[in-house]
Amino acid sequence: MAMLSHRRNRKAGQSDEWEPIILRAILAVKFPVRRFGFQFAFAVSLGALLATSAGAQTVPKEQALWMASFEAVWSAVRDHNPDVKLNGLDWRAIHETLLPRIEHAASIDEVRGILREMIGRLGVSHYAIIPGDLYAAVGSESAPAGGKSASAGIETVILDGKAVVKSVEPNSAAARAGVQPGMVVDGIDGTRVAKVLESANATGDTESQRIAARSVAQKLDAPGDGAMKLDLVDASGRIKHVELNRTEAANDDSGHTVEFGNLPGMHVEFESRTLPGGAGYIRFNEFLNPVNLMPRFESALHGFAHAPGVILDLRGNPGGIGIMAMGIAGFFIPESGRQLGEMKMRETTIRFTVFPRAETYAGKVAILLDEGSASTTEILAQGLQDLKRARIFGTRSAGAALPSDIIRLPDGDGFQYPTASYTSVNGRVLEGNGVVPDVEVRESREAIAAGRDAVVEAARDWIAQR
């Protein structure tokens, strides 16, 4: 069950080498990883067999790895697709049809195209071939579990393919260096951010895009204090180069790093405050670390007991532990037996039943989403929307609600595949569709630079209505 992270130790002077933080980002949006070790070992063994057997001695090394990767992808779909009938496809015939093309492929891009064609015949989203060079391009060392990452005090959001500074923490290193909301992060420690985002967008799959987007934010954090060089572009197009030191947060209750599944530690944040007009505001970036997060959520909600409404800001929240959706919903649903939806796997069906708390919040609930909201976030949001207990603001979510496994292929690419199907309580299929907001509101770089958050404002105005 070990995940192969292919970590490299950064060498002195290699400012453009990011460790595969991508692996942190991947599983943060998913449920626990399973079966990685066996499948990877199988693929590698097959590659070795192809390279050393009498009939394949003339096969170039790359070709052998491509063929082994093809077999690994084909087998993973056959063995783990939640639909045992594979949508009525003759999967063996597809294998025999495409194998000669893999054998005669001239490049890794051609191989990726064939693999995407194969999994595309299933007509199901959430399958992805993640280029190995994307793994190499994005990443950073992670803080050890239980430790705390250091931060420059910058929060980013991806708008129109650019990493825009959304907020700067007061008195942080970034604030002292003159970083302002609305600026575009063009480079981090010598790595061109735009190039990373463009590479992910070129794949055409949302998983690679989401991974790259999250990696930009996580690259700004590091395991312990450390210097960082940023290239920024201001509103007038001028380039600003700054150097600053990341520092650990002073509050011991925020920003803890935790482990999940077989991934490196992930940075979990929580924030709550009262907005002008009296509405409560809660934001957390991962459905992880329930021992720490759930008591803090309950305490914040208790403080908002008499507030006219509560805003749950889940923009950019890629999910995590699925059952936490039921726990959070229990703070807002007083009736027993209500469900958010159900997940079907080959062996069993999991019903996301809400377990009401002793005291539930009765005021208005607004949930904020964007394209980075996925997995557990979508399950919670769609469920509360179906139950008419929350109003959704922002933009359509990622449409990536399924639990999935991600393996590294022998050729260095990653392969993501779903292991279940999910429908909301009203029968809505989230995968590939996402949660559709009741009120669509888009952020803009101009509004951010002016210190405004249009999505929060829309939710706050709705709460203020009688």
Protein backbone atom coordinates (compact mmCIF):
# COMPACT_ATOMS: atom_id res chain seq x y z
CA MET A 1 0.00 0.00 0.00
CA ALA A 2 2.97 2.26 -0.30
CA MET A 3 2.78 5.23 -2.61
CA LEU A 4 5.87 5.81 -4.67
CA SER A 5 6.62 9.51 -4.45
CA HIS A 6 9.88 9.42 -6.44
CA ARG A 7 11.36 12.05 -4.15
CA ARG A 8 14.65 13.68 -4.92
CA ASN A 9 16.81 15.60 -2.52
CA ARG A 10 17.34 19.13 -3.71
CA LYS A 11 20.92 19.87 -4.54
CA ALA A 12 22.65 23.15 -3.92
CA GLY A 13 22.03 25.60 -6.73
CA GLN A 14 19.04 23.76 -8.22
CA SER A 15 16.53 26.55 -7.69
CA ASP A 16 14.14 25.27 -10.35
CA GLU A 17 13.68 21.72 -9.05
CA TRP A 18 10.40 21.25 -7.22
CA GLU A 19 9.88 18.05 -5.28
CA PRO A 20 6.67 16.16 -6.14
CA ILE A 21 4.31 18.10 -3.96
CA ILE A 22 1.96 17.02 -6.69
CA LEU A 23 1.46 13.81 -4.72
CA ARG A 24 0.26 15.81 -1.74
CA ALA A 25 -2.14 17.67 -3.95
CA ILE A 26 -3.45 14.52 -5.63
CA LEU A 27 -4.66 12.65 -2.60
CA ALA A 28 -5.82 15.72 -0.76
CA VAL A 29 -8.74 15.63 -3.20
CA LYS A 30 -9.34 11.93 -2.80
CA PHE A 31 -10.02 9.18 -0.38
CA PRO A 32 -7.29 6.85 0.96
CA VAL A 33 -5.01 5.30 -1.62
CA ARG A 34 -5.11 1.56 -2.07
CA ARG A 35 -3.24 -1.15 -3.93
CA PHE A 36 -0.46 1.10 -5.23
CA GLY A 37 2.45 -1.14 -4.42
CA PHE A 38 1.09 -4.24 -6.14
CA GLN A 39 0.13 -2.54 -9.37
CA PHE A 40 3.37 -0.62 -9.69
CA ALA A 41 5.41 -3.74 -8.99
CA PHE A 42 3.40 -5.62 -11.62
CA ALA A 43 4.02 -2.95 -14.23
CA VAL A 44 7.73 -2.75 -13.52
CA SER A 45 8.04 -6.54 -13.67
CA LEU A 46 6.25 -6.58 -16.99
CA GLY A 47 8.57 -3.88 -18.31
CA ALA A 48 11.58 -5.90 -17.26
CA LEU A 49 10.13 -8.99 -18.92
CA LEU A 50 9.57 -7.13 -22.17
CA ALA A 51 13.10 -5.79 -22.12
CA THR A 52 14.85 -9.09 -21.39
CA SER A 53 12.82 -11.83 -23.07
CA ALA A 54 14.25 -13.46 -26.17
CA GLY A 55 11.55 -12.03 -28.36
CA ALA A 56 11.97 -8.47 -27.11
CA GLN A 57 15.69 -8.01 -26.88
CA THR A 58 15.66 -5.45 -29.66
CA VAL A 59 12.89 -3.38 -28.07
CA PRO A 60 14.29 -0.02 -26.92
CA LYS A 61 14.08 0.68 -23.23
CA GLU A 62 11.53 3.46 -23.71
CA GLN A 63 9.34 1.21 -25.84
CA ALA A 64 9.38 -1.50 -23.16
CA LEU A 65 8.36 1.02 -20.52
CA TRP A 66 5.57 2.35 -22.74
CA MET A 67 4.23 -1.14 -23.31
CA ALA A 68 4.42 -1.91 -19.59
CA SER A 69 2.56 1.32 -18.84
CA PHE A 70 -0.12 0.40 -21.38
CA GLU A 71 -0.62 -2.96 -19.67
CA ALA A 72 -0.77 -1.32 -16.23
CA VAL A 73 -3.45 1.14 -17.34
CA TRP A 74 -5.50 -1.50 -19.15
CA SER A 75 -5.34 -3.87 -16.16
CA ALA A 76 -6.23 -1.19 -13.61
CA VAL A 77 -9.37 -0.32 -15.56
CA ARG A 78 -10.32 -3.98 -15.94
CA ASP A 79 -9.85 -4.77 -12.26
CA HIS A 80 -11.13 -1.64 -10.53
CA ASN A 81 -13.68 0.20 -12.63
CA PRO A 82 -16.85 0.38 -10.47
CA ASP A 83 -18.88 -0.90 -13.43
CA VAL A 84 -17.82 -4.53 -13.77
CA LYS A 85 -19.28 -4.56 -17.29
CA LEU A 86 -17.09 -1.58 -18.29
CA ASN A 87 -20.01 0.21 -19.92
CA GLY A 88 -20.57 -2.77 -22.22
CA LEU A 89 -17.15 -2.52 -23.86
CA ASP A 90 -15.11 -5.49 -25.05
CA TRP A 91 -12.06 -4.47 -23.05
CA ARG A 92 -9.90 -7.33 -24.34
CA ALA A 93 -10.66 -6.39 -27.95
CA ILE A 94 -9.73 -2.79 -27.23
CA HIS A 95 -6.43 -4.04 -25.81
CA GLU A 96 -5.65 -6.04 -28.93
CA THR A 97 -6.57 -3.13 -31.19
CA LEU A 98 -4.42 -0.55 -29.44
CA LEU A 99 -1.39 -2.67 -28.50
CA PRO A 100 0.19 -2.54 -32.01
CA ARG A 101 -0.04 1.24 -31.95
CA ILE A 102 1.81 1.32 -28.62
CA GLU A 103 4.44 -1.03 -30.04
CA HIS A 104 5.07 1.36 -32.93
CA ALA A 105 4.73 4.62 -30.99
CA ALA A 106 7.52 7.10 -31.64
CA SER A 107 7.17 9.36 -28.61
CA ILE A 108 5.78 9.59 -25.09
CA ASP A 109 3.24 12.15 -26.31
CA GLU A 110 1.94 9.60 -28.81
CA VAL A 111 1.70 6.99 -26.05
CA ARG A 112 -0.24 9.40 -23.84
CA GLY A 113 -2.61 10.09 -26.71
CA ILE A 114 -3.28 6.37 -27.20
CA LEU A 115 -3.83 5.82 -23.48
CA ARG A 116 -6.22 8.75 -23.27
CA GLU A 117 -8.08 7.41 -26.29
CA MET A 118 -8.41 4.04 -24.55
CA ILE A 119 -9.75 5.35 -21.27
CA GLY A 120 -11.89 7.87 -23.14
CA ARG A 121 -13.91 5.00 -24.64
CA LEU A 122 -15.31 4.33 -21.16
CA GLY A 123 -17.23 7.59 -21.33
CA VAL A 124 -16.47 8.26 -17.66
CA SER A 125 -14.64 11.21 -16.22
CA HIS A 126 -11.99 11.14 -13.53
CA TYR A 127 -9.55 9.09 -15.56
CA ALA A 128 -6.29 10.94 -16.17
CA ILE A 129 -2.83 10.39 -17.58
CA ILE A 130 -0.63 12.80 -15.63
CA PRO A 131 2.63 13.60 -17.45
CA GLY A 132 5.79 12.67 -15.63
CA ASP A 133 7.34 16.03 -16.45
CA LEU A 134 4.53 17.67 -14.50
CA TYR A 135 5.59 15.64 -11.48
CA ALA A 136 9.10 16.95 -11.95
CA ALA A 137 8.00 20.53 -12.55
CA VAL A 138 5.88 21.04 -9.44
CA GLY A 139 6.77 20.20 -5.90
CA SER A 140 8.50 21.06 -2.68
CA GLU A 141 9.68 19.31 0.39
CA SER A 142 6.91 18.72 2.89
CA ALA A 143 6.90 19.32 6.59
CA PRO A 144 6.93 16.25 8.82
CA ALA A 145 3.59 15.10 10.19
CA GLY A 146 2.65 16.98 13.33
CA GLY A 147 4.99 19.81 12.41
CA LYS A 148 4.17 23.19 10.92
CA SER A 149 5.01 24.55 7.52
CA ALA A 150 6.51 27.99 7.24
CA SER A 151 4.66 30.50 5.09
CA ALA A 152 5.33 33.76 3.31
CA GLY A 153 1.81 34.90 4.19
CA ILE A 154 0.47 34.73 0.63
CA GLU A 155 -2.78 33.13 -0.55
CA THR A 156 -3.17 32.63 -4.30
CA VAL A 157 -6.03 31.85 -6.66
CA ILE A 158 -5.84 30.76 -10.31
CA LEU A 159 -7.65 33.21 -12.58
CA ASP A 160 -7.43 33.04 -16.37
CA GLY A 161 -4.44 30.72 -16.15
CA LYS A 162 -2.50 33.00 -13.81
CA ALA A 163 -1.61 32.63 -10.13
CA VAL A 164 -3.05 35.81 -8.61
CA VAL A 165 -2.25 36.93 -5.07
CA LYS A 166 -5.64 36.86 -3.35
CA SER A 167 -4.60 38.04 0.09
CA VAL A 168 -1.49 38.94 2.04
CA GLU A 169 -1.33 38.28 5.76
CA PRO A 170 -0.75 41.50 7.74
CA ASN A 171 2.74 41.85 9.20
CA SER A 172 3.92 38.83 7.20
CA ALA A 173 7.18 38.63 5.28
CA ALA A 174 5.24 39.16 2.05
CA ALA A 175 3.50 42.27 3.39
CA ARG A 176 6.82 43.75 4.49
CA ALA A 177 8.27 43.01 1.04
CA GLY A 178 5.49 44.96 -0.67
CA VAL A 179 3.47 42.04 -2.06
CA GLN A 180 -0.12 43.18 -2.69
CA PRO A 181 -3.40 41.47 -3.64
CA GLY A 182 -3.95 41.41 -7.38
CA MET A 183 -0.31 40.84 -8.24
CA VAL A 184 0.50 37.82 -10.42
CA VAL A 185 3.04 35.29 -9.13
CA ASP A 186 5.21 34.76 -12.18
CA GLY A 187 8.10 32.86 -10.62
CA ILE A 188 8.93 31.03 -7.38
CA ASP A 189 12.59 30.30 -6.68
CA GLY A 190 13.39 30.44 -10.37
CA THR A 191 10.53 28.22 -11.55
CA ARG A 192 8.19 29.85 -14.06
CA VAL A 193 4.70 29.43 -12.63
CA ALA A 194 2.95 30.19 -15.92
CA LYS A 195 4.88 27.39 -17.63
CA VAL A 196 3.74 24.90 -15.00
CA LEU A 197 0.10 25.96 -15.36
CA GLU A 198 0.29 25.88 -19.15
CA SER A 199 1.80 22.39 -19.08
CA ALA A 200 -1.06 21.16 -16.92
CA ASN A 201 -3.72 22.86 -19.06
CA ALA A 202 -2.24 21.25 -22.18
CA THR A 203 -3.10 17.78 -20.83
CA GLY A 204 -6.80 18.50 -21.15
CA ASP A 205 -7.65 16.73 -17.87
CA THR A 206 -8.85 18.56 -14.79
CA GLU A 207 -6.75 16.50 -12.39
CA SER A 208 -3.44 17.70 -13.82
CA GLN A 209 -4.76 21.27 -13.84
CA ARG A 210 -5.89 21.03 -10.24
CA ILE A 211 -2.59 19.52 -9.17
CA ALA A 212 -0.60 22.29 -10.79
CA ALA A 213 -2.84 24.98 -9.30
CA ARG A 214 -2.51 23.57 -5.81
CA SER A 215 1.22 23.14 -6.18
CA VAL A 216 1.66 26.86 -6.68
CA ALA A 217 0.02 27.57 -3.34
CA GLN A 218 1.88 24.81 -1.54
CA LYS A 219 5.21 25.87 -3.00
CA LEU A 220 4.82 29.06 -0.98
CA ASP A 221 4.96 26.92 2.18
CA ALA A 222 7.96 24.96 3.33
CA PRO A 223 9.05 22.70 6.23
CA GLY A 224 10.61 25.33 8.45
CA ASP A 225 11.94 28.83 7.94
CA GLY A 226 13.61 29.47 4.62
CA ALA A 227 14.45 32.10 2.05
CA MET A 228 12.31 32.43 -1.07
CA LYS A 229 12.62 34.48 -4.26
CA LEU A 230 9.47 35.69 -6.00
CA ASP A 231 8.90 37.31 -9.38
CA LEU A 232 5.66 39.29 -9.37
CA VAL A 233 3.75 41.31 -11.95
CA ASP A 234 1.71 44.28 -10.71
CA ALA A 235 -1.47 45.74 -12.20
CA SER A 236 0.47 47.93 -14.63
CA GLY A 237 2.53 45.01 -15.94
CA ARG A 238 5.74 45.92 -14.12
CA ILE A 239 7.86 43.03 -12.85
CA LYS A 240 8.81 43.14 -9.20
CA HIS A 241 11.49 40.84 -7.76
CA VAL A 242 11.38 40.24 -4.00
CA GLU A 243 13.30 38.06 -1.60
CA LEU A 244 11.80 37.12 1.73
CA ASN A 245 11.94 34.53 4.49
CA ARG A 246 9.11 32.20 5.27
CA THR A 247 8.18 32.10 8.95
CA GLU A 248 6.12 29.73 11.05
CA ALA A 249 2.70 30.90 12.17
CA ALA A 250 2.63 32.15 15.74
CA ASN A 251 -0.71 30.51 16.50
CA ASP A 252 -0.12 26.90 17.48
CA ASP A 253 -3.70 26.01 16.53
CA SER A 254 -3.39 26.91 12.85
CA GLY A 255 -1.58 25.45 9.91
CA HIS A 256 -0.66 22.04 11.34
CA THR A 257 0.79 19.51 8.94
CA VAL A 258 -0.79 16.06 9.00
CA GLU A 259 -0.35 12.81 7.11
CA PHE A 260 -3.11 11.19 5.09
CA GLY A 261 -2.86 7.74 3.58
CA ASN A 262 0.60 7.24 2.13
CA LEU A 263 1.23 10.88 1.26
CA PRO A 264 3.73 13.33 2.71
CA GLY A 265 2.41 15.73 5.32
CA MET A 266 -0.18 18.30 4.22
CA HIS A 267 -0.71 21.80 5.53
CA VAL A 268 -4.22 22.15 7.06
CA GLU A 269 -5.56 25.62 7.82
CA PHE A 270 -8.67 26.87 9.63
CA GLU A 271 -10.11 30.38 9.90
CA SER A 272 -13.27 31.84 11.44
CA ARG A 273 -14.45 35.42 11.98
CA THR A 274 -17.51 37.64 12.09
CA LEU A 275 -18.18 39.70 8.96
CA PRO A 276 -19.67 43.20 8.82
CA GLY A 277 -23.40 42.76 9.24
CA GLY A 278 -23.02 39.88 11.70
CA ALA A 279 -22.67 36.85 9.43
CA GLY A 280 -20.22 34.17 10.51
CA TYR A 281 -17.39 33.13 8.19
CA ILE A 282 -15.58 29.77 8.29
CA ARG A 283 -12.86 28.59 5.94
CA PHE A 284 -10.70 25.48 5.97
CA ASN A 285 -8.57 24.18 3.13
CA GLU A 286 -8.73 20.40 3.59
CA PHE A 287 -11.17 17.83 4.99
CA LEU A 288 -8.35 16.39 7.08
CA ASN A 289 -7.16 16.21 10.69
CA PRO A 290 -10.69 15.77 12.13
CA VAL A 291 -9.36 15.57 15.70
CA ASN A 292 -8.25 19.19 15.38
CA LEU A 293 -10.65 20.56 12.79
CA MET A 294 -14.02 19.31 14.06
CA PRO A 295 -13.74 20.80 17.58
CA ARG A 296 -12.63 24.11 16.07
CA PHE A 297 -15.56 24.03 13.63
CA GLU A 298 -17.99 23.31 16.47
CA SER A 299 -16.53 26.08 18.61
CA ALA A 300 -16.75 28.59 15.76
CA LEU A 301 -20.34 27.63 14.99
CA HIS A 302 -21.24 27.91 18.67
CA GLY A 303 -19.93 31.47 18.58
CA PHE A 304 -22.20 32.16 15.61
CA ALA A 305 -25.31 30.75 17.31
CA HIS A 306 -27.18 34.05 17.03
CA ALA A 307 -25.70 35.12 13.69
CA PRO A 308 -28.20 35.63 10.83
CA GLY A 309 -26.20 33.24 8.68
CA VAL A 310 -22.94 31.39 8.24
CA ILE A 311 -20.68 31.32 5.20
CA LEU A 312 -18.60 28.17 4.56
CA ASP A 313 -15.81 29.18 2.23
CA LEU A 314 -14.75 25.95 0.51
CA ARG A 315 -13.18 27.53 -2.56
CA GLY A 316 -10.03 25.67 -3.48
CA ASN A 317 -10.80 22.94 -0.94
CA PRO A 318 -9.96 19.68 -2.74
CA GLY A 319 -11.62 17.41 -0.17
CA GLY A 320 -10.04 14.64 1.87
CA ILE A 321 -11.74 12.28 4.29
CA GLY A 322 -15.23 11.53 2.95
CA ILE A 323 -17.00 10.83 6.24
CA MET A 324 -16.21 14.35 7.41
CA ALA A 325 -18.93 15.58 5.04
CA MET A 326 -21.47 13.73 7.18
CA GLY A 327 -19.97 15.19 10.34
CA ILE A 328 -20.08 18.79 9.07
CA ALA A 329 -23.64 18.33 7.74
CA GLY A 330 -24.71 17.17 11.19
CA PHE A 331 -24.24 20.72 12.47
CA PHE A 332 -26.97 21.98 10.11
CA ILE A 333 -29.47 19.10 9.72
CA PRO A 334 -31.58 18.41 12.85
CA GLU A 335 -33.54 15.45 11.43
CA SER A 336 -32.19 11.91 11.72
CA GLY A 337 -31.96 9.61 8.70
CA ARG A 338 -31.24 12.29 6.08
CA GLN A 339 -28.61 11.48 3.45
CA LEU A 340 -26.21 13.47 1.32
CA GLY A 341 -25.99 10.73 -1.30
CA GLU A 342 -24.49 7.31 -1.87
CA MET A 343 -21.32 5.83 -3.28
CA LYS A 344 -21.36 2.51 -5.11
CA MET A 345 -18.33 0.27 -5.43
CA ARG A 346 -18.05 -3.20 -6.88
CA GLU A 347 -18.32 -4.82 -3.49
CA THR A 348 -20.56 -2.48 -1.48
CA THR A 349 -22.58 0.73 -1.28
CA ILE A 350 -21.77 3.49 1.19
CA ARG A 351 -24.63 5.80 2.20
CA PHE A 352 -23.60 9.23 3.41
CA THR A 353 -26.07 9.44 6.27
CA VAL A 354 -26.16 12.63 8.33
CA PHE A 355 -25.85 12.27 12.09
CA PRO A 356 -27.36 15.40 13.72
CA ARG A 357 -25.51 17.07 16.57
CA ALA A 358 -27.14 17.70 19.92
CA GLU A 359 -27.32 21.39 18.96
CA THR A 360 -27.68 22.36 15.31
CA TYR A 361 -27.41 25.75 13.66
CA ALA A 362 -30.76 27.00 12.32
CA GLY A 363 -29.71 30.16 10.44
CA LYS A 364 -28.96 30.62 6.77
CA VAL A 365 -26.04 28.67 5.30
CA ALA A 366 -24.07 29.85 2.27
CA ILE A 367 -21.36 27.68 0.70
CA LEU A 368 -18.73 29.19 -1.57
CA LEU A 369 -17.26 27.04 -4.36
CA ASP A 370 -14.96 27.36 -7.33
CA GLU A 371 -13.21 25.14 -9.86
CA GLY A 372 -10.79 23.98 -7.17
CA SER A 373 -13.56 22.62 -4.92
CA ALA A 374 -13.65 18.85 -5.25
CA SER A 375 -14.34 15.47 -3.70
CA THR A 376 -15.65 15.71 -0.12
CA THR A 377 -16.35 19.41 -0.65
CA GLU A 378 -18.70 18.56 -3.51
CA ILE A 379 -20.41 15.80 -1.57
CA LEU A 380 -21.18 18.19 1.29
CA ALA A 381 -22.22 21.11 -0.90
CA GLN A 382 -24.46 19.12 -3.26
CA GLY A 383 -26.02 17.23 -0.37
CA LEU A 384 -26.92 20.39 1.56
CA GLN A 385 -28.16 22.01 -1.64
CA ASP A 386 -30.38 18.99 -2.38
CA LEU A 387 -31.74 19.08 1.16
CA LYS A 388 -32.45 22.80 0.69
CA ARG A 389 -30.26 23.60 3.66
CA ALA A 390 -27.61 25.68 1.88
CA ARG A 391 -27.36 28.14 -0.98
CA ILE A 392 -24.31 27.83 -3.22
CA PHE A 393 -22.33 30.87 -4.45
CA GLY A 394 -19.36 31.11 -6.78
CA THR A 395 -18.60 28.96 -9.81
CA ARG A 396 -19.19 25.34 -10.75
CA SER A 397 -17.03 22.92 -8.76
CA ALA A 398 -14.44 20.54 -10.18
CA GLY A 399 -16.73 17.58 -10.82
CA ALA A 400 -14.27 15.19 -9.19
CA ALA A 401 -16.23 13.57 -6.41
CA LEU A 402 -15.16 9.97 -6.82
CA PRO A 403 -12.64 8.12 -4.70
CA SER A 404 -9.76 7.20 -6.93
CA ASP A 405 -6.36 5.58 -6.94
CA ILE A 406 -3.30 7.10 -8.55
CA ILE A 407 -0.32 4.98 -9.57
CA ARG A 408 3.03 5.89 -11.07
CA LEU A 409 3.55 4.09 -14.35
CA PRO A 410 6.86 2.55 -15.44
CA ASP A 411 7.39 5.38 -17.96
CA GLY A 412 7.18 7.94 -15.13
CA ASP A 413 3.67 9.22 -15.84
CA GLY A 414 0.84 9.00 -13.35
CA PHE A 415 -2.50 7.27 -13.91
CA GLN A 416 -5.64 8.15 -12.00
CA TYR A 417 -8.71 5.93 -12.09
CA PRO A 418 -12.00 5.91 -10.14
CA THR A 419 -13.00 3.03 -7.91
CA ALA A 420 -16.63 3.98 -7.26
CA SER A 421 -19.59 5.98 -8.57
CA TYR A 422 -21.43 8.66 -6.59
CA THR A 423 -24.88 10.23 -6.82
CA SER A 424 -26.38 12.88 -4.56
CA VAL A 425 -29.58 12.35 -2.59
CA ASN A 426 -31.56 13.81 -5.50
CA GLY A 427 -29.80 11.53 -7.99
CA ARG A 428 -27.37 14.10 -9.35
CA VAL A 429 -24.14 12.66 -10.76
CA LEU A 430 -21.34 14.92 -9.58
CA GLU A 431 -18.51 13.31 -11.47
CA GLY A 432 -17.73 15.37 -14.52
CA ASN A 433 -20.62 17.73 -13.79
CA GLY A 434 -19.72 19.41 -10.53
CA VAL A 435 -21.99 21.34 -8.19
CA VAL A 436 -23.87 24.11 -9.99
CA PRO A 437 -24.11 27.26 -7.85
CA ASP A 438 -27.47 28.87 -7.12
CA VAL A 439 -25.79 32.22 -7.68
CA GLU A 440 -22.84 32.34 -10.07
CA VAL A 441 -20.23 34.89 -9.05
CA ARG A 442 -16.74 35.08 -10.52
CA GLU A 443 -13.69 36.57 -8.90
CA SER A 444 -11.58 39.03 -10.84
CA ARG A 445 -8.05 40.30 -10.49
CA GLU A 446 -9.33 43.89 -10.48
CA ALA A 447 -11.72 43.24 -7.57
CA ILE A 448 -9.02 41.44 -5.61
CA ALA A 449 -6.61 44.33 -6.15
CA ALA A 450 -9.30 46.67 -4.81
CA GLY A 451 -9.63 44.57 -1.66
CA ARG A 452 -13.02 43.11 -2.56
CA ASP A 453 -14.27 39.53 -2.58
CA ALA A 454 -17.34 39.50 -4.83
CA VAL A 455 -18.32 35.97 -3.85
CA VAL A 456 -18.32 36.69 -0.12
CA GLU A 457 -20.20 39.92 -0.76
CA ALA A 458 -22.95 38.11 -2.69
CA ALA A 459 -23.36 35.53 0.08
CA ARG A 460 -23.36 38.21 2.76
CA ASP A 461 -26.03 40.23 0.89
CA TRP A 462 -28.24 37.15 0.67
CA ILE A 463 -27.89 36.48 4.38
CA ALA A 464 -28.83 40.09 5.12
CA GLN A 465 -32.12 39.70 3.23
CA ARG A 466 -35.10 38.95 5.41
